Amino acid sequence: MNNNHRANSPGRKGSWLSKLALLDQYLLPHYLLTRCMYRLTRVRAPWFKDRQIQWFIRRYQVDMSIAAQENPFAYPDFNSFFTRALKPGVRPIAGASDAVACPADGAISQLGDVEDGRLLQAKGHYFDLLSLLGGSQARAQSFQNSRFVTIYLSPRDYHRVHMPLGGQLREMVYISGRLFSVSPSTTQGIPGLFARNERLVTIFDTAIGPMAVILVGAMLVAGIETVWSGLVGHSDKPREWTYVAANKEQEIAFERGAEMGRFNTGSTVILLFPPTQIEFAPALTQNAPVKMGELLATISPVER
């Protein structure tokens, strides 16, 4: 085989085109575009927001029959439509006492064990637990050898995030970073993406130990919200909050299935669980679609 034939082989050409397609992820002004998106998705002029919503429903085949407000034009702006609530009961919460509920609609990106302080991002690509959690050794130590699952939320999905287990909020950490897209093609091509993007780490104390629910920002994700703090994000400095309640009334605690946050346009949720404490549902595989509330895992019996 001559050198010219090798240079023009389909594999080499495909690899070169893939790298070229990712170039715009490094060159685009992420924060400028995201600030523009924030403003555009909150325009309330009916002629503007109704067209946005109508185009989006057609483009992504959004099922409005399960929305609490089925009329798409009743929403005051695009962001209210995008973060819409669902009708009661359309996402039943896994009810068994040992059940771990799926926190969001989406698809499984990866799941498995944290090994040697690394999580699998995509085939052949890993990212660092310590970096993911903001560089705190104490925080990372709680999740060494833990189990993790990464869920990708596509544009058509329900974009509120719910509790996998009941728990009390211990800590919240905002970590500034890039705003790369988190689509499957970019997670395959950009090293350490989830530990480089802006993200919000929330840590809860649960019956089986600490649990982390990490909301990862992305390009055009115009802010991450939690139900206890409102809008968080888009700063050039990390911020940390600790929650120590003086009494039961001051605790920030949630039952399994309760809403805890939302994305103002889509992104990714990463969950971290204590080691050896859960077993993922057998049906969960890479790219498997999931719905909020369905069985994600079961709690393993504690060996005595």
C-alpha atoms as a PDB file:
ATOM      1  CA  MET A   1       0.000   0.000   0.000  1.00  0.00           C
ATOM      2  CA  ASN A   2       1.551   3.338  -1.007  1.00  0.00           C
ATOM      3  CA  ASN A   3       1.688   6.414   1.197  1.00  0.00           C
ATOM      4  CA  ASN A   4      -0.832   8.361  -0.894  1.00  0.00           C
ATOM      5  CA  HIS A   5      -3.396   5.609  -0.465  1.00  0.00           C
ATOM      6  CA  ARG A   6      -2.882   5.603   3.320  1.00  0.00           C
ATOM      7  CA  ALA A   7      -3.255   9.382   3.538  1.00  0.00           C
ATOM      8  CA  ASN A   8      -6.614   9.261   1.785  1.00  0.00           C
ATOM      9  CA  SER A   9      -8.000   6.205   3.553  1.00  0.00           C
ATOM     10  CA  PRO A  10     -11.528   6.573   5.020  1.00  0.00           C
ATOM     11  CA  GLY A  11     -10.300   6.153   8.598  1.00  0.00           C
ATOM     12  CA  ARG A  12      -7.733   8.944   8.357  1.00  0.00           C
ATOM     13  CA  LYS A  13     -10.154  11.231   6.537  1.00  0.00           C
ATOM     14  CA  GLY A  14     -12.885  10.602   9.127  1.00  0.00           C
ATOM     15  CA  SER A  15     -10.494  11.334  11.990  1.00  0.00           C
ATOM     16  CA  TRP A  16      -9.315  14.558  10.360  1.00  0.00           C
ATOM     17  CA  LEU A  17     -12.887  15.724   9.738  1.00  0.00           C
ATOM     18  CA  SER A  18     -13.868  14.922  13.321  1.00  0.00           C
ATOM     19  CA  LYS A  19     -11.048  17.058  14.686  1.00  0.00           C
ATOM     20  CA  LEU A  20     -11.953  19.901  12.335  1.00  0.00           C
ATOM     21  CA  ALA A  21     -15.589  19.746  13.457  1.00  0.00           C
ATOM     22  CA  LEU A  22     -14.481  20.218  17.083  1.00  0.00           C
ATOM     23  CA  LEU A  23     -12.322  23.251  16.289  1.00  0.00           C
ATOM     24  CA  ASP A  24     -15.244  25.652  16.686  1.00  0.00           C
ATOM     25  CA  GLN A  25     -15.676  24.427  20.276  1.00  0.00           C
ATOM     26  CA  TYR A  26     -12.339  26.040  21.108  1.00  0.00           C
ATOM     27  CA  LEU A  27     -12.789  29.176  18.990  1.00  0.00           C
ATOM     28  CA  LEU A  28     -16.377  30.239  19.657  1.00  0.00           C
ATOM     29  CA  PRO A  29     -16.987  32.951  22.316  1.00  0.00           C
ATOM     30  CA  HIS A  30     -18.834  30.648  24.723  1.00  0.00           C
ATOM     31  CA  TYR A  31     -19.778  33.172  27.380  1.00  0.00           C
ATOM     32  CA  LEU A  32     -20.855  35.870  24.933  1.00  0.00           C
ATOM     33  CA  LEU A  33     -23.134  33.430  23.106  1.00  0.00           C
ATOM     34  CA  THR A  34     -24.519  32.154  26.393  1.00  0.00           C
ATOM     35  CA  ARG A  35     -25.264  35.665  27.680  1.00  0.00           C
ATOM     36  CA  CYS A  36     -27.081  36.379  24.420  1.00  0.00           C
ATOM     37  CA  MET A  37     -29.058  33.164  24.812  1.00  0.00           C
ATOM     38  CA  TYR A  38     -30.023  34.189  28.350  1.00  0.00           C
ATOM     39  CA  ARG A  39     -31.563  37.408  27.077  1.00  0.00           C
ATOM     40  CA  LEU A  40     -33.235  35.903  24.019  1.00  0.00           C
ATOM     41  CA  THR A  41     -34.911  33.117  25.997  1.00  0.00           C
ATOM     42  CA  ARG A  42     -36.502  35.663  28.328  1.00  0.00           C
ATOM     43  CA  VAL A  43     -38.011  37.953  25.697  1.00  0.00           C
ATOM     44  CA  ARG A  44     -41.753  38.160  26.391  1.00  0.00           C
ATOM     45  CA  ALA A  45     -42.982  39.709  23.144  1.00  0.00           C
ATOM     46  CA  PRO A  46     -45.526  37.149  21.859  1.00  0.00           C
ATOM     47  CA  TRP A  47     -44.489  37.477  18.209  1.00  0.00           C
ATOM     48  CA  PHE A  48     -40.924  36.532  19.184  1.00  0.00           C
ATOM     49  CA  LYS A  49     -41.242  33.937  21.943  1.00  0.00           C
ATOM     50  CA  ASP A  50     -44.125  32.077  20.264  1.00  0.00           C
ATOM     51  CA  ARG A  51     -42.050  31.567  17.121  1.00  0.00           C
ATOM     52  CA  GLN A  52     -39.120  30.333  19.204  1.00  0.00           C
ATOM     53  CA  ILE A  53     -41.315  27.822  21.016  1.00  0.00           C
ATOM     54  CA  GLN A  54     -43.149  26.660  17.889  1.00  0.00           C
ATOM     55  CA  TRP A  55     -39.894  26.061  16.006  1.00  0.00           C
ATOM     56  CA  PHE A  56     -38.388  24.197  18.960  1.00  0.00           C
ATOM     57  CA  ILE A  57     -41.378  21.868  19.340  1.00  0.00           C
ATOM     58  CA  ARG A  58     -41.267  20.970  15.641  1.00  0.00           C
ATOM     59  CA  ARG A  59     -37.498  20.618  15.515  1.00  0.00           C
ATOM     60  CA  TYR A  60     -37.200  18.339  18.563  1.00  0.00           C
ATOM     61  CA  GLN A  61     -40.653  16.697  18.513  1.00  0.00           C
ATOM     62  CA  VAL A  62     -41.471  17.797  22.053  1.00  0.00           C
ATOM     63  CA  ASP A  63     -44.419  15.967  23.626  1.00  0.00           C
ATOM     64  CA  MET A  64     -46.566  18.705  25.154  1.00  0.00           C
ATOM     65  CA  SER A  65     -49.293  16.250  26.227  1.00  0.00           C
ATOM     66  CA  ILE A  66     -47.329  15.459  29.411  1.00  0.00           C
ATOM     67  CA  ALA A  67     -46.642  19.109  30.301  1.00  0.00           C
ATOM     68  CA  ALA A  68     -48.559  20.669  33.189  1.00  0.00           C
ATOM     69  CA  GLN A  69     -49.393  23.482  30.771  1.00  0.00           C
ATOM     70  CA  GLU A  70     -50.074  21.899  27.390  1.00  0.00           C
ATOM     71  CA  ASN A  71     -50.600  25.174  25.532  1.00  0.00           C
ATOM     72  CA  PRO A  72     -47.100  26.193  24.380  1.00  0.00           C
ATOM     73  CA  PHE A  73     -48.121  29.809  23.862  1.00  0.00           C
ATOM     74  CA  ALA A  74     -49.284  30.199  27.457  1.00  0.00           C
ATOM     75  CA  TYR A  75     -45.690  30.332  28.685  1.00  0.00           C
ATOM     76  CA  PRO A  76     -44.489  33.921  29.265  1.00  0.00           C
ATOM     77  CA  ASP A  77     -41.126  33.308  27.572  1.00  0.00           C
ATOM     78  CA  PHE A  78     -39.054  30.540  25.997  1.00  0.00           C
ATOM     79  CA  ASN A  79     -37.180  29.742  29.206  1.00  0.00           C
ATOM     80  CA  SER A  80     -40.434  29.131  31.083  1.00  0.00           C
ATOM     81  CA  PHE A  81     -41.443  26.712  28.324  1.00  0.00           C
ATOM     82  CA  PHE A  82     -38.053  24.985  28.333  1.00  0.00           C
ATOM     83  CA  THR A  83     -38.079  24.438  32.109  1.00  0.00           C
ATOM     84  CA  ARG A  84     -41.776  23.483  32.107  1.00  0.00           C
ATOM     85  CA  ALA A  85     -43.255  21.299  34.821  1.00  0.00           C
ATOM     86  CA  LEU A  86     -44.868  17.948  34.031  1.00  0.00           C
ATOM     87  CA  LYS A  87     -48.327  16.734  34.942  1.00  0.00           C
ATOM     88  CA  PRO A  88     -48.518  14.966  38.307  1.00  0.00           C
ATOM     89  CA  GLY A  89     -48.036  11.233  37.938  1.00  0.00           C
ATOM     90  CA  VAL A  90     -46.489  11.115  34.445  1.00  0.00           C
ATOM     91  CA  ARG A  91     -43.093  10.374  35.996  1.00  0.00           C
ATOM     92  CA  PRO A  92     -43.827   7.941  38.867  1.00  0.00           C
ATOM     93  CA  ILE A  93     -41.002   7.654  41.392  1.00  0.00           C
ATOM     94  CA  ALA A  94     -39.551   4.185  42.024  1.00  0.00           C
ATOM     95  CA  GLY A  95     -41.152   3.350  45.334  1.00  0.00           C
ATOM     96  CA  ALA A  96     -39.281   0.370  46.815  1.00  0.00           C
ATOM     97  CA  SER A  97     -37.409   1.134  50.026  1.00  0.00           C
ATOM     98  CA  ASP A  98     -34.082   0.135  48.434  1.00  0.00           C
ATOM     99  CA  ALA A  99     -34.673   2.027  45.171  1.00  0.00           C
ATOM    100  CA  VAL A 100     -32.494   4.791  43.744  1.00  0.00           C
ATOM    101  CA  ALA A 101     -34.533   6.952  41.363  1.00  0.00           C
ATOM    102  CA  CYS A 102     -33.288   8.399  38.092  1.00  0.00           C
ATOM    103  CA  PRO A 103     -32.839  12.170  38.581  1.00  0.00           C
ATOM    104  CA  ALA A 104     -33.671  13.340  35.047  1.00  0.00           C
ATOM    105  CA  ASP A 105     -34.934  12.478  31.594  1.00  0.00           C
ATOM    106  CA  GLY A 106     -32.112  11.760  29.169  1.00  0.00           C
ATOM    107  CA  ALA A 107     -29.739   8.998  28.118  1.00  0.00           C
ATOM    108  CA  ILE A 108     -26.988   7.156  29.951  1.00  0.00           C
ATOM    109  CA  SER A 109     -23.654   8.505  28.801  1.00  0.00           C
ATOM    110  CA  GLN A 110     -21.470   6.329  31.058  1.00  0.00           C
ATOM    111  CA  LEU A 111     -21.748   4.465  34.352  1.00  0.00           C
ATOM    112  CA  GLY A 112     -19.474   2.365  36.481  1.00  0.00           C
ATOM    113  CA  ASP A 113     -16.799   2.714  39.146  1.00  0.00           C
ATOM    114  CA  VAL A 114     -14.413   5.537  39.933  1.00  0.00           C
ATOM    115  CA  GLU A 115     -11.029   3.859  39.514  1.00  0.00           C
ATOM    116  CA  ASP A 116      -7.745   5.421  40.660  1.00  0.00           C
ATOM    117  CA  GLY A 117      -9.499   8.767  40.986  1.00  0.00           C
ATOM    118  CA  ARG A 118     -10.770   8.755  37.381  1.00  0.00           C
ATOM    119  CA  LEU A 119     -14.186   8.513  35.721  1.00  0.00           C
ATOM    120  CA  LEU A 120     -14.846   7.251  32.220  1.00  0.00           C
ATOM    121  CA  GLN A 121     -16.004  10.048  29.901  1.00  0.00           C
ATOM    122  CA  ALA A 122     -16.080   8.158  26.592  1.00  0.00           C
ATOM    123  CA  LYS A 123     -14.233   5.243  25.075  1.00  0.00           C
ATOM    124  CA  GLY A 124     -10.547   5.866  25.715  1.00  0.00           C
ATOM    125  CA  HIS A 125     -11.177   9.148  27.581  1.00  0.00           C
ATOM    126  CA  TYR A 126     -11.201   9.696  31.346  1.00  0.00           C
ATOM    127  CA  PHE A 127     -11.509  12.718  33.601  1.00  0.00           C
ATOM    128  CA  ASP A 128     -10.237  13.428  37.076  1.00  0.00           C
ATOM    129  CA  LEU A 129     -12.425  13.135  40.200  1.00  0.00           C
ATOM    130  CA  LEU A 130     -10.394  15.719  42.127  1.00  0.00           C
ATOM    131  CA  SER A 131     -10.788  18.283  39.348  1.00  0.00           C
ATOM    132  CA  LEU A 132     -14.473  17.470  38.899  1.00  0.00           C
ATOM    133  CA  LEU A 133     -15.105  18.272  42.571  1.00  0.00           C
ATOM    134  CA  GLY A 134     -13.204  21.564  42.525  1.00  0.00           C
ATOM    135  CA  GLY A 135      -9.761  20.474  43.713  1.00  0.00           C
ATOM    136  CA  SER A 136     -10.705  19.641  47.305  1.00  0.00           C
ATOM    137  CA  GLN A 137      -8.879  16.568  48.581  1.00  0.00           C
ATOM    138  CA  ALA A 138     -11.355  16.136  51.429  1.00  0.00           C
ATOM    139  CA  ARG A 139     -14.297  16.268  49.035  1.00  0.00           C
ATOM    140  CA  ALA A 140     -12.677  13.837  46.612  1.00  0.00           C
ATOM    141  CA  GLN A 141     -11.737  11.434  49.403  1.00  0.00           C
ATOM    142  CA  SER A 142     -15.426  10.874  50.157  1.00  0.00           C
ATOM    143  CA  PHE A 143     -15.906   9.499  46.640  1.00  0.00           C
ATOM    144  CA  GLN A 144     -12.744   7.509  46.030  1.00  0.00           C
ATOM    145  CA  ASN A 145     -13.719   4.146  44.543  1.00  0.00           C
ATOM    146  CA  SER A 146     -17.339   5.294  44.402  1.00  0.00           C
ATOM    147  CA  ARG A 147     -19.910   4.446  41.734  1.00  0.00           C
ATOM    148  CA  PHE A 148     -20.963   7.033  39.170  1.00  0.00           C
ATOM    149  CA  VAL A 149     -23.470   7.552  36.400  1.00  0.00           C
ATOM    150  CA  THR A 150     -23.511  10.315  33.784  1.00  0.00           C
ATOM    151  CA  ILE A 151     -26.843  11.306  32.189  1.00  0.00           C
ATOM    152  CA  TYR A 152     -27.016  13.466  29.068  1.00  0.00           C
ATOM    153  CA  LEU A 153     -30.105  15.662  28.660  1.00  0.00           C
ATOM    154  CA  SER A 154     -30.970  16.334  25.020  1.00  0.00           C
ATOM    155  CA  PRO A 155     -32.869  19.484  23.988  1.00  0.00           C
ATOM    156  CA  ARG A 156     -36.216  17.658  23.846  1.00  0.00           C
ATOM    157  CA  ASP A 157     -35.947  16.278  27.400  1.00  0.00           C
ATOM    158  CA  TYR A 158     -37.593  17.458  30.606  1.00  0.00           C
ATOM    159  CA  HIS A 159     -34.985  19.734  32.191  1.00  0.00           C
ATOM    160  CA  ARG A 160     -35.717  19.625  35.896  1.00  0.00           C
ATOM    161  CA  VAL A 161     -33.443  17.528  38.134  1.00  0.00           C
ATOM    162  CA  HIS A 162     -34.803  15.476  41.041  1.00  0.00           C
ATOM    163  CA  MET A 163     -33.343  13.656  44.026  1.00  0.00           C
ATOM    164  CA  PRO A 164     -32.213  10.051  43.481  1.00  0.00           C
ATOM    165  CA  LEU A 165     -32.371   9.432  47.247  1.00  0.00           C
ATOM    166  CA  GLY A 166     -33.678  11.333  50.220  1.00  0.00           C
ATOM    167  CA  GLY A 167     -30.947  13.476  51.732  1.00  0.00           C
ATOM    168  CA  GLN A 168     -29.890  16.597  53.596  1.00  0.00           C
ATOM    169  CA  LEU A 169     -27.826  19.217  51.796  1.00  0.00           C
ATOM    170  CA  ARG A 170     -24.330  19.515  53.231  1.00  0.00           C
ATOM    171  CA  GLU A 171     -22.404  21.553  50.671  1.00  0.00           C
ATOM    172  CA  MET A 172     -22.725  23.344  47.338  1.00  0.00           C
ATOM    173  CA  VAL A 173     -19.740  24.351  45.197  1.00  0.00           C
ATOM    174  CA  TYR A 174     -19.814  26.455  42.041  1.00  0.00           C
ATOM    175  CA  ILE A 175     -16.779  25.836  39.817  1.00  0.00           C
ATOM    176  CA  SER A 176     -16.145  28.198  36.919  1.00  0.00           C
ATOM    177  CA  GLY A 177     -14.898  26.773  33.644  1.00  0.00           C
ATOM    178  CA  ARG A 178     -15.410  26.410  29.923  1.00  0.00           C
ATOM    179  CA  LEU A 179     -18.767  25.975  28.222  1.00  0.00           C
ATOM    180  CA  PHE A 180     -18.049  23.266  25.684  1.00  0.00           C
ATOM    181  CA  SER A 181     -21.040  21.494  24.203  1.00  0.00           C
ATOM    182  CA  VAL A 182     -21.781  18.222  26.014  1.00  0.00           C
ATOM    183  CA  SER A 183     -23.227  16.411  22.999  1.00  0.00           C
ATOM    184  CA  PRO A 184     -22.008  12.830  22.411  1.00  0.00           C
ATOM    185  CA  SER A 185     -19.636  13.971  19.646  1.00  0.00           C
ATOM    186  CA  THR A 186     -17.839  16.489  21.879  1.00  0.00           C
ATOM    187  CA  THR A 187     -17.572  14.122  24.834  1.00  0.00           C
ATOM    188  CA  GLN A 188     -15.832  11.730  22.458  1.00  0.00           C
ATOM    189  CA  GLY A 189     -13.440  14.396  21.210  1.00  0.00           C
ATOM    190  CA  ILE A 190     -12.632  16.907  23.998  1.00  0.00           C
ATOM    191  CA  PRO A 191     -10.406  15.482  26.765  1.00  0.00           C
ATOM    192  CA  GLY A 192     -11.587  15.940  30.363  1.00  0.00           C
ATOM    193  CA  LEU A 193     -14.658  17.872  29.254  1.00  0.00           C
ATOM    194  CA  PHE A 194     -16.771  17.400  32.399  1.00  0.00           C
ATOM    195  CA  ALA A 195     -13.918  18.495  34.663  1.00  0.00           C
ATOM    196  CA  ARG A 196     -13.304  21.573  32.472  1.00  0.00           C
ATOM    197  CA  ASN A 197     -16.832  22.905  32.010  1.00  0.00           C
ATOM    198  CA  GLU A 198     -18.621  25.164  34.464  1.00  0.00           C
ATOM    199  CA  ARG A 199     -20.473  23.040  37.012  1.00  0.00           C
ATOM    200  CA  LEU A 200     -22.390  23.058  40.259  1.00  0.00           C
ATOM    201  CA  VAL A 201     -21.542  20.341  42.782  1.00  0.00           C
ATOM    202  CA  THR A 202     -24.141  19.586  45.443  1.00  0.00           C
ATOM    203  CA  ILE A 203     -23.374  17.068  48.189  1.00  0.00           C
ATOM    204  CA  PHE A 204     -26.053  15.453  50.325  1.00  0.00           C
ATOM    205  CA  ASP A 205     -25.904  13.238  53.394  1.00  0.00           C
ATOM    206  CA  THR A 206     -28.099  10.183  52.808  1.00  0.00           C
ATOM    207  CA  ALA A 207     -28.904   6.956  54.621  1.00  0.00           C
ATOM    208  CA  ILE A 208     -26.093   5.202  52.710  1.00  0.00           C
ATOM    209  CA  GLY A 209     -23.504   7.989  53.024  1.00  0.00           C
ATOM    210  CA  PRO A 210     -22.573  11.058  50.958  1.00  0.00           C
ATOM    211  CA  MET A 211     -24.120  11.492  47.512  1.00  0.00           C
ATOM    212  CA  ALA A 212     -23.047  14.089  44.939  1.00  0.00           C
ATOM    213  CA  VAL A 213     -25.414  15.506  42.319  1.00  0.00           C
ATOM    214  CA  ILE A 214     -23.329  17.485  39.822  1.00  0.00           C
ATOM    215  CA  LEU A 215     -24.986  19.751  37.266  1.00  0.00           C
ATOM    216  CA  VAL A 216     -22.611  20.395  34.358  1.00  0.00           C
ATOM    217  CA  GLY A 217     -23.054  23.564  32.310  1.00  0.00           C
ATOM    218  CA  ALA A 218     -22.557  23.783  28.567  1.00  0.00           C
ATOM    219  CA  MET A 219     -22.539  26.281  25.720  1.00  0.00           C
ATOM    220  CA  LEU A 220     -25.881  28.135  25.583  1.00  0.00           C
ATOM    221  CA  VAL A 221     -26.878  26.816  29.030  1.00  0.00           C
ATOM    222  CA  ALA A 222     -27.936  30.192  30.358  1.00  0.00           C
ATOM    223  CA  GLY A 223     -27.677  29.372  34.036  1.00  0.00           C
ATOM    224  CA  ILE A 224     -28.175  26.509  36.496  1.00  0.00           C
ATOM    225  CA  GLU A 225     -30.761  26.846  39.266  1.00  0.00           C
ATOM    226  CA  THR A 226     -31.418  25.085  42.540  1.00  0.00           C
ATOM    227  CA  VAL A 227     -34.681  25.278  44.449  1.00  0.00           C
ATOM    228  CA  TRP A 228     -32.950  26.621  47.574  1.00  0.00           C
ATOM    229  CA  SER A 229     -30.644  29.226  46.008  1.00  0.00           C
ATOM    230  CA  GLY A 230     -32.169  30.214  42.679  1.00  0.00           C
ATOM    231  CA  LEU A 231     -29.920  31.004  39.708  1.00  0.00           C
ATOM    232  CA  VAL A 232     -26.228  30.135  40.166  1.00  0.00           C
ATOM    233  CA  GLY A 233     -23.402  30.422  37.707  1.00  0.00           C
ATOM    234  CA  HIS A 234     -21.397  32.356  35.130  1.00  0.00           C
ATOM    235  CA  SER A 235     -18.656  33.718  37.355  1.00  0.00           C
ATOM    236  CA  ASP A 236     -14.902  33.680  36.900  1.00  0.00           C
ATOM    237  CA  LYS A 237     -14.334  32.610  40.509  1.00  0.00           C
ATOM    238  CA  PRO A 238     -15.285  29.457  42.394  1.00  0.00           C
ATOM    239  CA  ARG A 239     -17.734  29.816  45.254  1.00  0.00           C
ATOM    240  CA  GLU A 240     -18.609  27.496  48.118  1.00  0.00           C
ATOM    241  CA  TRP A 241     -21.547  27.256  50.481  1.00  0.00           C
ATOM    242  CA  THR A 242     -21.852  24.996  53.519  1.00  0.00           C
ATOM    243  CA  TYR A 243     -25.167  24.205  55.158  1.00  0.00           C
ATOM    244  CA  VAL A 244     -25.092  23.563  58.904  1.00  0.00           C
ATOM    245  CA  ALA A 245     -28.568  23.695  60.393  1.00  0.00           C
ATOM    246  CA  ALA A 246     -28.985  24.890  63.962  1.00  0.00           C
ATOM    247  CA  ASN A 247     -32.234  22.938  64.222  1.00  0.00           C
ATOM    248  CA  LYS A 248     -34.509  20.636  62.245  1.00  0.00           C
ATOM    249  CA  GLU A 249     -36.494  23.532  60.784  1.00  0.00           C
ATOM    250  CA  GLN A 250     -33.377  25.032  59.172  1.00  0.00           C
ATOM    251  CA  GLU A 251     -32.313  21.849  57.399  1.00  0.00           C
ATOM    252  CA  ILE A 252     -32.415  21.805  53.600  1.00  0.00           C
ATOM    253  CA  ALA A 253     -33.610  18.277  53.056  1.00  0.00           C
ATOM    254  CA  PHE A 254     -35.463  16.501  50.252  1.00  0.00           C
ATOM    255  CA  GLU A 255     -37.323  13.246  49.800  1.00  0.00           C
ATOM    256  CA  ARG A 256     -36.462  10.885  46.959  1.00  0.00           C
ATOM    257  CA  GLY A 257     -38.002  12.255  43.747  1.00  0.00           C
ATOM    258  CA  ALA A 258     -38.263  15.863  44.956  1.00  0.00           C
ATOM    259  CA  GLU A 259     -37.138  18.563  42.520  1.00  0.00           C
ATOM    260  CA  MET A 260     -33.736  20.007  43.475  1.00  0.00           C
ATOM    261  CA  GLY A 261     -32.653  22.025  40.400  1.00  0.00           C
ATOM    262  CA  ARG A 262     -32.996  22.718  36.705  1.00  0.00           C
ATOM    263  CA  PHE A 263     -31.073  23.661  33.577  1.00  0.00           C
ATOM    264  CA  ASN A 264     -32.016  26.765  31.601  1.00  0.00           C
ATOM    265  CA  THR A 265     -31.292  24.869  28.351  1.00  0.00           C
ATOM    266  CA  GLY A 266     -29.810  21.402  28.331  1.00  0.00           C
ATOM    267  CA  SER A 267     -26.744  19.732  29.766  1.00  0.00           C
ATOM    268  CA  THR A 268     -25.507  16.791  31.866  1.00  0.00           C
ATOM    269  CA  VAL A 269     -25.980  15.374  35.371  1.00  0.00           C
ATOM    270  CA  ILE A 270     -23.277  13.287  37.084  1.00  0.00           C
ATOM    271  CA  LEU A 271     -24.134  11.275  40.212  1.00  0.00           C
ATOM    272  CA  LEU A 272     -21.607   9.896  42.689  1.00  0.00           C
ATOM    273  CA  PHE A 273     -22.598   7.252  45.229  1.00  0.00           C
ATOM    274  CA  PRO A 274     -20.652   5.607  48.082  1.00  0.00           C
ATOM    275  CA  PRO A 275     -18.584   2.565  47.047  1.00  0.00           C
ATOM    276  CA  THR A 276     -20.249  -0.864  47.179  1.00  0.00           C
ATOM    277  CA  GLN A 277     -23.541   0.682  48.296  1.00  0.00           C
ATOM    278  CA  ILE A 278     -25.559   0.440  45.071  1.00  0.00           C
ATOM    279  CA  GLU A 279     -26.096  -1.869  42.132  1.00  0.00           C
ATOM    280  CA  PHE A 280     -27.210  -0.312  38.859  1.00  0.00           C
ATOM    281  CA  ALA A 281     -30.370  -1.625  37.224  1.00  0.00           C
ATOM    282  CA  PRO A 282     -29.489  -4.366  34.681  1.00  0.00           C
ATOM    283  CA  ALA A 283     -31.240  -2.492  31.857  1.00  0.00           C
ATOM    284  CA  LEU A 284     -28.869   0.460  32.165  1.00  0.00           C
ATOM    285  CA  THR A 285     -26.268   0.480  29.427  1.00  0.00           C
ATOM    286  CA  GLN A 286     -24.467   3.193  27.502  1.00  0.00           C
ATOM    287  CA  ASN A 287     -26.921   5.300  25.449  1.00  0.00           C
ATOM    288  CA  ALA A 288     -29.958   3.697  27.115  1.00  0.00           C
ATOM    289  CA  PRO A 289     -32.828   6.216  27.395  1.00  0.00           C
ATOM    290  CA  VAL A 290     -33.993   6.979  30.938  1.00  0.00           C
ATOM    291  CA  LYS A 291     -36.876   8.864  32.508  1.00  0.00           C
ATOM    292  CA  MET A 292     -36.942  10.803  35.729  1.00  0.00           C
ATOM    293  CA  GLY A 293     -38.229   8.681  38.598  1.00  0.00           C
ATOM    294  CA  GLU A 294     -37.657   5.235  37.118  1.00  0.00           C
ATOM    295  CA  LEU A 295     -35.387   2.709  38.828  1.00  0.00           C
ATOM    296  CA  LEU A 296     -31.748   3.674  38.401  1.00  0.00           C
ATOM    297  CA  ALA A 297     -30.189   1.369  41.001  1.00  0.00           C
ATOM    298  CA  THR A 298     -30.884  -0.555  44.188  1.00  0.00           C
ATOM    299  CA  ILE A 299     -29.179  -0.159  47.534  1.00  0.00           C
ATOM    300  CA  SER A 300     -27.012  -3.150  48.357  1.00  0.00           C
ATOM    301  CA  PRO A 301     -27.474  -4.847  51.750  1.00  0.00           C
ATOM    302  CA  VAL A 302     -24.732  -3.938  54.213  1.00  0.00           C
ATOM    303  CA  GLU A 303     -22.523  -6.925  54.991  1.00  0.00           C
ATOM    304  CA  ARG A 304     -22.187  -7.670  58.688  1.00  0.00           C
END
